[in-house]
Amino acid sequence: MTDPKEIVKEGYDRLSSDYRTHFAASHEASYEPWLNSFVQYLKADDKILELGCGDGLPVARFLSQRHRYLGVDISPAQVALARANVPEGTFEVADMTKLSFQTGEFAGIVALYSLIHVPIEQQPALIEAMHNWLQAGGCVFAIVGAKAWTGIEKDWIVAGTTMYWSHADNNTYIKWFSSAGFTIEEIKYIAEGDSGHTLIIARKE
C-alpha cells in the first residue's frame, strides 16, 4: 500500500473546499457545543494547538477569537484555505507525528478526527508527545475511534479521492491516554449511522 500519510495528504489536497461543502452543516451543528465544553477548561489568551486543522472551519475560527491558536495539517491545500478563512490564526503544514515543541508549551490541544488518520502503531507515541507539550492542568480534546479498524475508502466524498483511517477501539484509547499520564474528564460516544467515534477530554495533572 502507498504510504498512508501520503494517501491522507493527497486525499485532502484533492478534496480542497469540497470537504467543507460536504460537512458544513453537520460540523457547524455539532462542533460548537463540543468546543464550548472544551474551553471551560481554558483561560482567555491560552496557547492552543490543533492537530489536523483542515480548512480552519469551524474550530480555528472559534478558538482564535479568545486564544493564541496554532493549527497544523499535512495537507498544503487545507492549510492554504485555513489561512484565508481564519487570518487571525497561525497555520503550518506538517506531519503531526514529526512535530517538536517545548514541554508545557500549550494549555490545550485539539485533535478532532485527525489522530485516526495516523497509522495505529504511531498513535500511542503521539498521545505521549501531546501530554509532554501540555502544561500542568492543560487539556486535550480529541475525537478518536470507537471500534478497531484500519483501511482505505475509495471515492470518498468526491470521485477519485482515496482516504485512509486507522482506529483503535474505545477501551484502547482510554488505556493509551491514561498510560500517557492523562486523567479522563469527559468521554462520550458519538453515533454516526451504523458506527461512531469517541469524544475524549483529558487533563494533564
C-alpha atoms as a PDB file:
ATOM      1  CA  MET A   1       0.000   0.000   0.000  1.00  0.00           C
ATOM      2  CA  THR A   2       1.102   3.560  -0.665  1.00  0.00           C
ATOM      3  CA  ASP A   3       2.408   5.403   2.432  1.00  0.00           C
ATOM      4  CA  PRO A   4      -0.768   6.032   4.480  1.00  0.00           C
ATOM      5  CA  LYS A   5       0.256   9.612   5.214  1.00  0.00           C
ATOM      6  CA  GLU A   6       0.637  10.313   1.513  1.00  0.00           C
ATOM      7  CA  ILE A   7      -2.858   8.935   0.967  1.00  0.00           C
ATOM      8  CA  VAL A   8      -4.204  11.333   3.597  1.00  0.00           C
ATOM      9  CA  LYS A   9      -2.243  14.310   2.234  1.00  0.00           C
ATOM     10  CA  GLU A  10      -3.217  13.666  -1.371  1.00  0.00           C
ATOM     11  CA  GLY A  11      -6.823  12.981  -0.396  1.00  0.00           C
ATOM     12  CA  TYR A  12      -7.311  16.253   1.449  1.00  0.00           C
ATOM     13  CA  ASP A  13      -5.403  18.186  -1.211  1.00  0.00           C
ATOM     14  CA  ARG A  14      -7.700  16.712  -3.837  1.00  0.00           C
ATOM     15  CA  LEU A  15     -10.839  17.482  -1.851  1.00  0.00           C
ATOM     16  CA  SER A  16      -9.834  21.092  -1.153  1.00  0.00           C
ATOM     17  CA  SER A  17     -13.025  23.089  -0.429  1.00  0.00           C
ATOM     18  CA  ASP A  18     -15.274  20.116  -1.305  1.00  0.00           C
ATOM     19  CA  TYR A  19     -14.575  18.753   2.177  1.00  0.00           C
ATOM     20  CA  ARG A  20     -16.142  21.816   3.801  1.00  0.00           C
ATOM     21  CA  THR A  21     -19.060  21.835   1.380  1.00  0.00           C
ATOM     22  CA  HIS A  22     -19.804  18.217   2.284  1.00  0.00           C
ATOM     23  CA  PHE A  23     -19.553  18.570   6.066  1.00  0.00           C
ATOM     24  CA  ALA A  24     -20.518  22.219   6.674  1.00  0.00           C
ATOM     25  CA  ALA A  25     -23.972  21.653   8.148  1.00  0.00           C
ATOM     26  CA  SER A  26     -23.062  18.744  10.433  1.00  0.00           C
ATOM     27  CA  HIS A  27     -19.832  20.328  11.668  1.00  0.00           C
ATOM     28  CA  GLU A  28     -21.426  23.677  12.460  1.00  0.00           C
ATOM     29  CA  ALA A  29     -24.210  21.952  14.399  1.00  0.00           C
ATOM     30  CA  SER A  30     -22.070  19.577  16.456  1.00  0.00           C
ATOM     31  CA  TYR A  31     -18.703  21.280  16.901  1.00  0.00           C
ATOM     32  CA  GLU A  32     -19.853  24.418  18.716  1.00  0.00           C
ATOM     33  CA  PRO A  33     -21.310  22.561  21.744  1.00  0.00           C
ATOM     34  CA  TRP A  34     -18.191  20.392  21.936  1.00  0.00           C
ATOM     35  CA  LEU A  35     -15.901  23.416  21.751  1.00  0.00           C
ATOM     36  CA  ASN A  36     -17.910  25.273  24.373  1.00  0.00           C
ATOM     37  CA  SER A  37     -17.373  22.301  26.672  1.00  0.00           C
ATOM     38  CA  PHE A  38     -13.637  22.229  25.940  1.00  0.00           C
ATOM     39  CA  VAL A  39     -12.996  25.951  26.520  1.00  0.00           C
ATOM     40  CA  GLN A  40     -14.400  25.681  30.046  1.00  0.00           C
ATOM     41  CA  TYR A  41     -11.009  24.195  30.864  1.00  0.00           C
ATOM     42  CA  LEU A  42      -9.116  27.142  29.330  1.00  0.00           C
ATOM     43  CA  LYS A  43      -8.393  30.780  30.101  1.00  0.00           C
ATOM     44  CA  ALA A  44      -8.522  33.681  27.658  1.00  0.00           C
ATOM     45  CA  ASP A  45      -5.279  34.051  25.689  1.00  0.00           C
ATOM     46  CA  ASP A  46      -4.129  30.497  26.420  1.00  0.00           C
ATOM     47  CA  LYS A  47      -1.980  28.953  23.694  1.00  0.00           C
ATOM     48  CA  ILE A  48      -3.811  26.202  21.785  1.00  0.00           C
ATOM     49  CA  LEU A  49      -2.550  23.620  19.284  1.00  0.00           C
ATOM     50  CA  GLU A  50      -4.816  21.871  16.794  1.00  0.00           C
ATOM     51  CA  LEU A  51      -3.577  18.698  15.128  1.00  0.00           C
ATOM     52  CA  GLY A  52      -5.318  18.268  11.779  1.00  0.00           C
ATOM     53  CA  CYS A  53      -6.791  21.751  11.431  1.00  0.00           C
ATOM     54  CA  GLY A  54      -8.175  21.265   7.908  1.00  0.00           C
ATOM     55  CA  ASP A  55      -9.540  24.473   6.421  1.00  0.00           C
ATOM     56  CA  GLY A  56      -9.887  26.161   9.811  1.00  0.00           C
ATOM     57  CA  LEU A  57     -13.685  25.921   9.970  1.00  0.00           C
ATOM     58  CA  PRO A  58     -15.206  25.906  12.428  1.00  0.00           C
ATOM     59  CA  VAL A  59     -12.565  25.050  15.055  1.00  0.00           C
ATOM     60  CA  ALA A  60      -9.778  27.543  14.310  1.00  0.00           C
ATOM     61  CA  ARG A  61     -12.300  30.320  13.756  1.00  0.00           C
ATOM     62  CA  PHE A  62     -13.914  29.581  17.139  1.00  0.00           C
ATOM     63  CA  LEU A  63     -10.734  29.145  19.189  1.00  0.00           C
ATOM     64  CA  SER A  64      -8.723  32.010  17.688  1.00  0.00           C
ATOM     65  CA  GLN A  65     -11.309  34.519  18.915  1.00  0.00           C
ATOM     66  CA  ARG A  66     -10.140  34.094  22.522  1.00  0.00           C
ATOM     67  CA  HIS A  67      -6.895  32.135  22.384  1.00  0.00           C
ATOM     68  CA  ARG A  68      -3.469  32.103  20.732  1.00  0.00           C
ATOM     69  CA  TYR A  69      -4.036  29.434  18.131  1.00  0.00           C
ATOM     70  CA  LEU A  70      -1.670  27.254  16.064  1.00  0.00           C
ATOM     71  CA  GLY A  71      -3.134  24.806  13.568  1.00  0.00           C
ATOM     72  CA  VAL A  72      -1.149  22.043  11.866  1.00  0.00           C
ATOM     73  CA  ASP A  73      -2.205  19.924   8.906  1.00  0.00           C
ATOM     74  CA  ILE A  74      -0.435  17.572   6.497  1.00  0.00           C
ATOM     75  CA  SER A  75      -2.360  18.997   3.504  1.00  0.00           C
ATOM     76  CA  PRO A  76      -0.980  22.178   1.918  1.00  0.00           C
ATOM     77  CA  ALA A  77      -4.336  22.767   0.210  1.00  0.00           C
ATOM     78  CA  GLN A  78      -6.206  22.690   3.509  1.00  0.00           C
ATOM     79  CA  VAL A  79      -3.686  24.970   5.208  1.00  0.00           C
ATOM     80  CA  ALA A  80      -3.993  27.487   2.374  1.00  0.00           C
ATOM     81  CA  LEU A  81      -7.753  27.515   2.894  1.00  0.00           C
ATOM     82  CA  ALA A  82      -7.325  27.871   6.660  1.00  0.00           C
ATOM     83  CA  ARG A  83      -5.067  30.894   6.271  1.00  0.00           C
ATOM     84  CA  ALA A  84      -7.685  32.551   4.079  1.00  0.00           C
ATOM     85  CA  ASN A  85     -10.620  31.558   6.286  1.00  0.00           C
ATOM     86  CA  VAL A  86      -9.037  32.443   9.635  1.00  0.00           C
ATOM     87  CA  PRO A  87      -6.418  35.188   9.145  1.00  0.00           C
ATOM     88  CA  GLU A  88      -6.049  35.700  12.899  1.00  0.00           C
ATOM     89  CA  GLY A  89      -4.807  32.111  13.336  1.00  0.00           C
ATOM     90  CA  THR A  90      -1.348  30.688  12.699  1.00  0.00           C
ATOM     91  CA  PHE A  91      -1.059  27.619  10.479  1.00  0.00           C
ATOM     92  CA  GLU A  92       1.715  25.251   9.436  1.00  0.00           C
ATOM     93  CA  VAL A  93       1.979  22.345   7.006  1.00  0.00           C
ATOM     94  CA  ALA A  94       3.454  19.394   8.910  1.00  0.00           C
ATOM     95  CA  ASP A  95       3.153  15.710   9.766  1.00  0.00           C
ATOM     96  CA  MET A  96       1.821  15.753  13.340  1.00  0.00           C
ATOM     97  CA  THR A  97       3.977  12.762  14.310  1.00  0.00           C
ATOM     98  CA  LYS A  98       7.132  14.732  13.488  1.00  0.00           C
ATOM     99  CA  LEU A  99       6.353  17.888  15.451  1.00  0.00           C
ATOM    100  CA  SER A 100       8.644  19.146  18.205  1.00  0.00           C
ATOM    101  CA  PHE A 101       7.537  21.591  20.900  1.00  0.00           C
ATOM    102  CA  GLN A 102       8.798  22.602  24.298  1.00  0.00           C
ATOM    103  CA  THR A 103       7.478  20.825  27.371  1.00  0.00           C
ATOM    104  CA  GLY A 104       4.402  22.643  28.646  1.00  0.00           C
ATOM    105  CA  GLU A 105       4.114  24.934  25.619  1.00  0.00           C
ATOM    106  CA  PHE A 106       0.323  24.655  25.265  1.00  0.00           C
ATOM    107  CA  ALA A 107      -2.687  24.959  27.562  1.00  0.00           C
ATOM    108  CA  GLY A 108      -4.874  22.944  25.208  1.00  0.00           C
ATOM    109  CA  ILE A 109      -4.569  20.547  22.283  1.00  0.00           C
ATOM    110  CA  VAL A 110      -7.378  19.696  19.867  1.00  0.00           C
ATOM    111  CA  ALA A 111      -7.386  16.643  17.577  1.00  0.00           C
ATOM    112  CA  LEU A 112     -10.819  16.072  16.065  1.00  0.00           C
ATOM    113  CA  TYR A 113     -10.983  13.016  13.788  1.00  0.00           C
ATOM    114  CA  SER A 114      -7.280  13.530  12.995  1.00  0.00           C
ATOM    115  CA  LEU A 115      -5.391  11.006  15.147  1.00  0.00           C
ATOM    116  CA  ILE A 116      -7.318   8.303  13.295  1.00  0.00           C
ATOM    117  CA  HIS A 117      -5.577   9.266  10.048  1.00  0.00           C
ATOM    118  CA  VAL A 118      -2.238   8.296  11.668  1.00  0.00           C
ATOM    119  CA  PRO A 119      -1.110   4.645  11.436  1.00  0.00           C
ATOM    120  CA  ILE A 120      -2.225   2.997  14.649  1.00  0.00           C
ATOM    121  CA  GLU A 121       1.279   1.937  15.682  1.00  0.00           C
ATOM    122  CA  GLN A 122       2.303   5.610  15.829  1.00  0.00           C
ATOM    123  CA  GLN A 123      -0.661   6.828  17.855  1.00  0.00           C
ATOM    124  CA  PRO A 124       0.493   5.907  21.417  1.00  0.00           C
ATOM    125  CA  ALA A 125       3.751   7.859  20.994  1.00  0.00           C
ATOM    126  CA  LEU A 126       1.819  10.833  19.622  1.00  0.00           C
ATOM    127  CA  ILE A 127      -0.505  10.795  22.640  1.00  0.00           C
ATOM    128  CA  GLU A 128       2.549  10.737  24.919  1.00  0.00           C
ATOM    129  CA  ALA A 129       4.002  13.695  22.991  1.00  0.00           C
ATOM    130  CA  MET A 130       0.745  15.598  23.427  1.00  0.00           C
ATOM    131  CA  HIS A 131       0.986  15.060  27.180  1.00  0.00           C
ATOM    132  CA  ASN A 132       4.521  16.446  27.134  1.00  0.00           C
ATOM    133  CA  TRP A 133       3.516  19.517  25.114  1.00  0.00           C
ATOM    134  CA  LEU A 134       0.770  20.427  27.582  1.00  0.00           C
ATOM    135  CA  GLN A 135       1.344  22.498  30.681  1.00  0.00           C
ATOM    136  CA  ALA A 136       0.209  21.154  34.055  1.00  0.00           C
ATOM    137  CA  GLY A 137      -3.571  21.375  34.165  1.00  0.00           C
ATOM    138  CA  GLY A 138      -3.771  21.549  30.379  1.00  0.00           C
ATOM    139  CA  CYS A 139      -6.397  19.628  28.423  1.00  0.00           C
ATOM    140  CA  VAL A 140      -6.585  17.628  25.237  1.00  0.00           C
ATOM    141  CA  PHE A 141      -9.840  17.383  23.301  1.00  0.00           C
ATOM    142  CA  ALA A 142      -9.868  14.504  20.833  1.00  0.00           C
ATOM    143  CA  ILE A 143     -12.337  12.538  18.764  1.00  0.00           C
ATOM    144  CA  VAL A 144     -10.957   9.075  18.086  1.00  0.00           C
ATOM    145  CA  GLY A 145     -12.212   5.666  17.083  1.00  0.00           C
ATOM    146  CA  ALA A 146     -14.760   3.561  18.941  1.00  0.00           C
ATOM    147  CA  LYS A 147     -14.099   0.249  17.172  1.00  0.00           C
ATOM    148  CA  ALA A 148     -10.826  -1.094  15.823  1.00  0.00           C
ATOM    149  CA  TRP A 149     -10.477  -0.762  12.055  1.00  0.00           C
ATOM    150  CA  THR A 150      -7.741   0.156   9.586  1.00  0.00           C
ATOM    151  CA  GLY A 151      -8.306   0.598   5.884  1.00  0.00           C
ATOM    152  CA  ILE A 152      -8.961   2.873   2.959  1.00  0.00           C
ATOM    153  CA  GLU A 153     -12.068   4.143   1.226  1.00  0.00           C
ATOM    154  CA  LYS A 154     -12.089   4.974  -2.456  1.00  0.00           C
ATOM    155  CA  ASP A 155     -14.220   7.719  -3.978  1.00  0.00           C
ATOM    156  CA  TRP A 156     -14.607   9.325  -0.530  1.00  0.00           C
ATOM    157  CA  ILE A 157     -16.826  12.428  -0.836  1.00  0.00           C
ATOM    158  CA  VAL A 158     -15.598  13.093  -4.384  1.00  0.00           C
ATOM    159  CA  ALA A 159     -14.963  10.524  -7.131  1.00  0.00           C
ATOM    160  CA  GLY A 160     -11.277   9.717  -7.376  1.00  0.00           C
ATOM    161  CA  THR A 161     -10.452  10.635  -3.765  1.00  0.00           C
ATOM    162  CA  THR A 162      -8.973   7.887  -1.580  1.00  0.00           C
ATOM    163  CA  MET A 163      -8.742   8.232   2.205  1.00  0.00           C
ATOM    164  CA  TYR A 164      -7.005   6.209   4.932  1.00  0.00           C
ATOM    165  CA  TRP A 165      -8.056   5.641   8.558  1.00  0.00           C
ATOM    166  CA  SER A 166      -6.603   3.632  11.431  1.00  0.00           C
ATOM    167  CA  HIS A 167      -8.733   3.233  14.599  1.00  0.00           C
ATOM    168  CA  ALA A 168      -8.149   1.505  17.880  1.00  0.00           C
ATOM    169  CA  ASP A 169     -11.197   0.628  19.961  1.00  0.00           C
ATOM    170  CA  ASN A 170     -12.655   2.800  22.694  1.00  0.00           C
ATOM    171  CA  ASN A 171     -11.018   0.922  25.598  1.00  0.00           C
ATOM    172  CA  THR A 172      -7.612   1.018  23.946  1.00  0.00           C
ATOM    173  CA  TYR A 173      -7.746   4.797  23.556  1.00  0.00           C
ATOM    174  CA  ILE A 174      -8.701   5.177  27.214  1.00  0.00           C
ATOM    175  CA  LYS A 175      -5.731   2.969  28.123  1.00  0.00           C
ATOM    176  CA  TRP A 176      -3.338   4.972  25.905  1.00  0.00           C
ATOM    177  CA  PHE A 177      -4.430   8.325  27.306  1.00  0.00           C
ATOM    178  CA  SER A 178      -4.289   7.036  30.877  1.00  0.00           C
ATOM    179  CA  SER A 179      -0.877   5.421  30.366  1.00  0.00           C
ATOM    180  CA  ALA A 180       0.466   8.700  28.986  1.00  0.00           C
ATOM    181  CA  GLY A 181      -0.488  10.393  32.268  1.00  0.00           C
ATOM    182  CA  PHE A 182      -3.856  11.924  31.413  1.00  0.00           C
ATOM    183  CA  THR A 183      -6.906  11.944  33.641  1.00  0.00           C
ATOM    184  CA  ILE A 184     -10.072  11.404  31.606  1.00  0.00           C
ATOM    185  CA  GLU A 185     -12.502  14.263  32.351  1.00  0.00           C
ATOM    186  CA  GLU A 186     -15.218  13.540  29.796  1.00  0.00           C
ATOM    187  CA  ILE A 187     -15.929  10.673  27.431  1.00  0.00           C
ATOM    188  CA  LYS A 188     -18.862  10.329  25.060  1.00  0.00           C
ATOM    189  CA  TYR A 189     -19.852   8.023  22.235  1.00  0.00           C
ATOM    190  CA  ILE A 190     -20.798   9.892  19.043  1.00  0.00           C
ATOM    191  CA  ALA A 191     -23.128   7.762  16.959  1.00  0.00           C
ATOM    192  CA  GLU A 192     -22.781   8.146  13.194  1.00  0.00           C
ATOM    193  CA  GLY A 193     -25.067   5.907  11.193  1.00  0.00           C
ATOM    194  CA  ASP A 194     -24.168   2.287  11.871  1.00  0.00           C
ATOM    195  CA  SER A 195     -20.892   3.204  13.561  1.00  0.00           C
ATOM    196  CA  GLY A 196     -19.453   6.053  15.599  1.00  0.00           C
ATOM    197  CA  HIS A 197     -16.497   7.697  17.310  1.00  0.00           C
ATOM    198  CA  THR A 198     -15.377   8.514  20.858  1.00  0.00           C
ATOM    199  CA  LEU A 199     -15.073  12.059  22.202  1.00  0.00           C
ATOM    200  CA  ILE A 200     -12.442  12.428  24.916  1.00  0.00           C
ATOM    201  CA  ILE A 201     -11.466  15.424  27.049  1.00  0.00           C
ATOM    202  CA  ALA A 202      -8.474  14.583  29.211  1.00  0.00           C
ATOM    203  CA  ARG A 203      -6.392  16.671  31.628  1.00  0.00           C
ATOM    204  CA  LYS A 204      -2.693  16.652  32.433  1.00  0.00           C
ATOM    205  CA  GLU A 205      -2.310  16.789  36.214  1.00  0.00           C
END
